[in-house]
C-alpha atoms as a PDB file:
ATOM      1  CA  MET A   1     101.570  44.516  22.258  1.00  0.00           C
ATOM      2  CA  ILE A   2     100.997  48.088  23.426  1.00  0.00           C
ATOM      3  CA  GLU A   3     103.038  50.844  21.824  1.00  0.00           C
ATOM      4  CA  TRP A   4     104.261  52.897  24.774  1.00  0.00           C
ATOM      5  CA  THR A   5     104.777  56.609  24.210  1.00  0.00           C
ATOM      6  CA  ALA A   6     105.862  59.311  26.622  1.00  0.00           C
ATOM      7  CA  GLU A   7     102.254  60.526  26.825  1.00  0.00           C
ATOM      8  CA  LYS A   8     100.902  57.074  27.749  1.00  0.00           C
ATOM      9  CA  ILE A   9     103.570  56.615  30.391  1.00  0.00           C
ATOM     10  CA  ALA A  10     102.787  60.066  31.824  1.00  0.00           C
ATOM     11  CA  GLN A  11      99.159  58.979  32.236  1.00  0.00           C
ATOM     12  CA  LEU A  12     100.148  56.232  34.671  1.00  0.00           C
ATOM     13  CA  LYS A  13      99.002  57.321  38.108  1.00  0.00           C
ATOM     14  CA  THR A  14     101.755  56.147  40.438  1.00  0.00           C
ATOM     15  CA  VAL A  15     105.522  55.971  40.371  1.00  0.00           C
ATOM     16  CA  GLU A  16     105.250  52.264  41.214  1.00  0.00           C
ATOM     17  CA  GLU A  17     103.347  51.646  37.972  1.00  0.00           C
ATOM     18  CA  VAL A  18     106.073  53.368  35.955  1.00  0.00           C
ATOM     19  CA  LYS A  19     108.798  51.432  37.781  1.00  0.00           C
ATOM     20  CA  SER A  20     106.947  48.173  37.144  1.00  0.00           C
ATOM     21  CA  LEU A  21     106.646  48.997  33.438  1.00  0.00           C
ATOM     22  CA  ARG A  22     110.348  49.890  33.330  1.00  0.00           C
ATOM     23  CA  ASP A  23     111.344  46.638  35.022  1.00  0.00           C
ATOM     24  CA  ASN A  24     109.167  44.561  32.694  1.00  0.00           C
ATOM     25  CA  ALA A  25     110.563  46.354  29.648  1.00  0.00           C
ATOM     26  CA  ALA A  26     114.100  45.756  30.892  1.00  0.00           C
ATOM     27  CA  LYS A  27     113.386  42.029  31.272  1.00  0.00           C
ATOM     28  CA  ARG A  28     112.158  41.961  27.679  1.00  0.00           C
ATOM     29  CA  ARG A  29     115.070  44.149  26.498  1.00  0.00           C
ATOM     30  CA  ILE A  30     112.838  46.918  25.113  1.00  0.00           C
ATOM     31  CA  VAL A  31     115.312  49.762  25.467  1.00  0.00           C
ATOM     32  CA  ASN A  32     113.144  52.610  24.156  1.00  0.00           C
ATOM     33  CA  VAL A  33     110.414  51.936  26.750  1.00  0.00           C
ATOM     34  CA  VAL A  34     113.028  51.744  29.509  1.00  0.00           C
ATOM     35  CA  ASN A  35     114.408  55.114  28.403  1.00  0.00           C
ATOM     36  CA  LEU A  36     110.913  56.654  28.297  1.00  0.00           C
ATOM     37  CA  CYS A  37     110.178  55.363  31.802  1.00  0.00           C
ATOM     38  CA  GLU A  38     113.472  56.724  33.127  1.00  0.00           C
ATOM     39  CA  ALA A  39     112.721  60.136  31.613  1.00  0.00           C
ATOM     40  CA  ASP A  40     109.225  60.126  33.138  1.00  0.00           C
ATOM     41  CA  LEU A  41     110.552  59.164  36.567  1.00  0.00           C
ATOM     42  CA  ARG A  42     113.032  62.053  36.447  1.00  0.00           C
ATOM     43  CA  LEU A  43     110.193  64.480  35.664  1.00  0.00           C
ATOM     44  CA  ARG A  44     107.872  63.282  38.412  1.00  0.00           C
ATOM     45  CA  LYS A  45     108.072  65.096  41.699  1.00  0.00           C
ATOM     46  CA  PRO A  46     109.692  62.938  44.382  1.00  0.00           C
ATOM     47  CA  PRO A  47     107.492  62.241  47.408  1.00  0.00           C
ATOM     48  CA  GLN A  48     108.080  64.533  50.329  1.00  0.00           C
ATOM     49  CA  VAL A  49     109.455  62.841  53.408  1.00  0.00           C
ATOM     50  CA  ARG A  50     108.126  64.141  56.667  1.00  0.00           C
ATOM     51  CA  GLN A  51     110.787  64.951  59.176  1.00  0.00           C
ATOM     52  CA  ALA A  52     110.133  63.906  62.742  1.00  0.00           C
ATOM     53  CA  ARG A  53     109.850  66.728  65.201  1.00  0.00           C
ATOM     54  CA  LEU A  54     111.898  66.136  68.286  1.00  0.00           C
ATOM     55  CA  GLU A  55     110.049  67.706  71.197  1.00  0.00           C
ATOM     56  CA  GLY A  56     112.073  68.910  74.148  1.00  0.00           C
ATOM     57  CA  ILE A  57     115.451  68.837  72.428  1.00  0.00           C
ATOM     58  CA  GLY A  58     116.647  72.393  72.402  1.00  0.00           C
ATOM     59  CA  GLU A  59     120.335  71.775  71.840  1.00  0.00           C
ATOM     60  CA  ILE A  60     121.622  73.852  68.951  1.00  0.00           C
ATOM     61  CA  ARG A  61     124.734  72.563  67.251  1.00  0.00           C
ATOM     62  CA  THR A  62     125.169  75.234  64.619  1.00  0.00           C
ATOM     63  CA  GLY A  63     128.797  76.225  64.289  1.00  0.00           C
ATOM     64  CA  GLN A  64     130.091  73.224  66.209  1.00  0.00           C
ATOM     65  CA  TYR A  65     132.410  70.659  64.696  1.00  0.00           C
ATOM     66  CA  VAL A  66     133.541  67.127  65.452  1.00  0.00           C
ATOM     67  CA  SER A  67     136.962  67.062  67.071  1.00  0.00           C
ATOM     68  CA  GLU A  68     137.307  63.319  67.769  1.00  0.00           C
ATOM     69  CA  PHE A  69     135.920  60.000  66.659  1.00  0.00           C
ATOM     70  CA  HIS A  70     135.617  56.913  68.820  1.00  0.00           C
ATOM     71  CA  PHE A  71     135.424  53.591  66.991  1.00  0.00           C
ATOM     72  CA  VAL A  72     134.703  50.273  68.700  1.00  0.00           C
ATOM     73  CA  CYS A  73     136.081  47.366  66.709  1.00  0.00           C
ATOM     74  CA  PRO A  74     135.108  43.730  67.314  1.00  0.00           C
END
């Protein structure tokens, strides 16, 4: 059995590898490895999500507010 340390977990290349290790450790009830994985995941930079650019939509809604809601119930 491998002794997992914070340094070894930090050497894993992808977030998916760390999550897989965490899930496997949780199944085997190895709490210290789960805690190390959680700490490493918090330190890793989250992936940046690209925002879609909406071409041709020039409507600016800054300063506006919602005055009514319309709900359609079945």
